[in-house]
Amino acid sequence: MLTINGHQHDYPSESTILELLDGLGMADKPVVIELNQRALSPSEFKDHRLKDGDVLEIITIAAGG
């Protein structure tokens, strides 16, 4: 079980963050991710494996003017 933006989700253990983003339909969007209160670099998305109990905040970056 993962907590994503305050909501609990069942998600396969040991998935990468990139796999999670793909499953959420966000793989092609610019995002900022905080995992267990630590900001991640986008270079970590493909290699970092999620664990049961992880807490993520995913913020989509949008340009405005």
C-alpha atoms as a PDB file:
ATOM      1  CA  MET A   1       0.000   0.000   0.000  1.00  0.00           C
ATOM      2  CA  LEU A   2       1.328   3.417  -1.007  1.00  0.00           C
ATOM      3  CA  THR A   3       0.079   6.815   0.072  1.00  0.00           C
ATOM      4  CA  ILE A   4       0.004   9.138  -2.929  1.00  0.00           C
ATOM      5  CA  ASN A   5      -1.005  12.767  -2.384  1.00  0.00           C
ATOM      6  CA  GLY A   6      -2.769  11.799   0.830  1.00  0.00           C
ATOM      7  CA  HIS A   7      -4.732   8.857  -0.623  1.00  0.00           C
ATOM      8  CA  GLN A   8      -3.922   5.173  -0.162  1.00  0.00           C
ATOM      9  CA  HIS A   9      -3.367   3.053  -3.271  1.00  0.00           C
ATOM     10  CA  ASP A  10      -2.645  -0.619  -3.787  1.00  0.00           C
ATOM     11  CA  TYR A  11       0.357  -0.846  -6.059  1.00  0.00           C
ATOM     12  CA  PRO A  12       2.764  -3.710  -6.759  1.00  0.00           C
ATOM     13  CA  SER A  13       5.694  -3.738  -4.362  1.00  0.00           C
ATOM     14  CA  GLU A  14       9.108  -3.234  -5.933  1.00  0.00           C
ATOM     15  CA  SER A  15       7.733  -1.145  -8.830  1.00  0.00           C
ATOM     16  CA  THR A  16       9.890   1.767  -9.872  1.00  0.00           C
ATOM     17  CA  ILE A  17       8.699   5.338  -9.634  1.00  0.00           C
ATOM     18  CA  LEU A  18       8.725   5.521 -13.433  1.00  0.00           C
ATOM     19  CA  GLU A  19       6.442   2.456 -13.580  1.00  0.00           C
ATOM     20  CA  LEU A  20       4.123   4.119 -11.063  1.00  0.00           C
ATOM     21  CA  LEU A  21       4.027   7.322 -13.115  1.00  0.00           C
ATOM     22  CA  ASP A  22       3.269   5.285 -16.228  1.00  0.00           C
ATOM     23  CA  GLY A  23       0.438   3.496 -14.430  1.00  0.00           C
ATOM     24  CA  LEU A  24      -0.983   6.849 -13.332  1.00  0.00           C
ATOM     25  CA  GLY A  25      -0.744   8.240 -16.889  1.00  0.00           C
ATOM     26  CA  MET A  26       1.891  10.755 -15.829  1.00  0.00           C
ATOM     27  CA  ALA A  27       5.086   9.324 -17.340  1.00  0.00           C
ATOM     28  CA  ASP A  28       5.300  12.043 -20.012  1.00  0.00           C
ATOM     29  CA  LYS A  29       4.415  14.952 -17.727  1.00  0.00           C
ATOM     30  CA  PRO A  30       6.908  17.151 -15.873  1.00  0.00           C
ATOM     31  CA  VAL A  31       6.555  16.326 -12.193  1.00  0.00           C
ATOM     32  CA  VAL A  32       8.253  16.908  -8.875  1.00  0.00           C
ATOM     33  CA  ILE A  33       8.161  13.944  -6.488  1.00  0.00           C
ATOM     34  CA  GLU A  34       8.735  13.843  -2.770  1.00  0.00           C
ATOM     35  CA  LEU A  35       9.204  10.342  -1.353  1.00  0.00           C
ATOM     36  CA  ASN A  36       8.999   9.972   2.413  1.00  0.00           C
ATOM     37  CA  GLN A  37       9.676  13.714   2.804  1.00  0.00           C
ATOM     38  CA  ARG A  38      12.720  13.686   0.505  1.00  0.00           C
ATOM     39  CA  ALA A  39      12.694  15.347  -2.917  1.00  0.00           C
ATOM     40  CA  LEU A  40      13.813  13.047  -5.714  1.00  0.00           C
ATOM     41  CA  SER A  41      15.791  13.911  -8.801  1.00  0.00           C
ATOM     42  CA  PRO A  42      14.153  12.806 -12.070  1.00  0.00           C
ATOM     43  CA  SER A  43      17.236  10.650 -12.657  1.00  0.00           C
ATOM     44  CA  GLU A  44      16.096   8.494  -9.700  1.00  0.00           C
ATOM     45  CA  PHE A  45      12.646   7.719 -11.152  1.00  0.00           C
ATOM     46  CA  LYS A  46      13.726   4.739 -13.278  1.00  0.00           C
ATOM     47  CA  ASP A  47      15.843   2.997 -10.643  1.00  0.00           C
ATOM     48  CA  HIS A  48      14.214   3.731  -7.279  1.00  0.00           C
ATOM     49  CA  ARG A  49      12.000   0.830  -6.167  1.00  0.00           C
ATOM     50  CA  LEU A  50       8.962   1.547  -4.040  1.00  0.00           C
ATOM     51  CA  LYS A  51       8.241  -0.268  -0.780  1.00  0.00           C
ATOM     52  CA  ASP A  52       5.011  -0.957   1.053  1.00  0.00           C
ATOM     53  CA  GLY A  53       4.228   2.030   3.264  1.00  0.00           C
ATOM     54  CA  ASP A  54       6.013   4.639   1.125  1.00  0.00           C
ATOM     55  CA  VAL A  55       4.451   8.106   1.111  1.00  0.00           C
ATOM     56  CA  LEU A  56       4.647  10.108  -2.109  1.00  0.00           C
ATOM     57  CA  GLU A  57       3.642  13.616  -3.048  1.00  0.00           C
ATOM     58  CA  ILE A  58       3.465  14.079  -6.815  1.00  0.00           C
ATOM     59  CA  ILE A  59       3.177  17.610  -8.149  1.00  0.00           C
ATOM     60  CA  THR A  60       2.603  18.308 -11.829  1.00  0.00           C
ATOM     61  CA  ILE A  61       4.532  21.290 -13.151  1.00  0.00           C
ATOM     62  CA  ALA A  62       2.414  23.588 -15.317  1.00  0.00           C
ATOM     63  CA  ALA A  63       3.569  26.692 -17.159  1.00  0.00           C
ATOM     64  CA  GLY A  64       1.512  29.798 -16.720  1.00  0.00           C
ATOM     65  CA  GLY A  65       1.684  33.414 -17.461  1.00  0.00           C
END
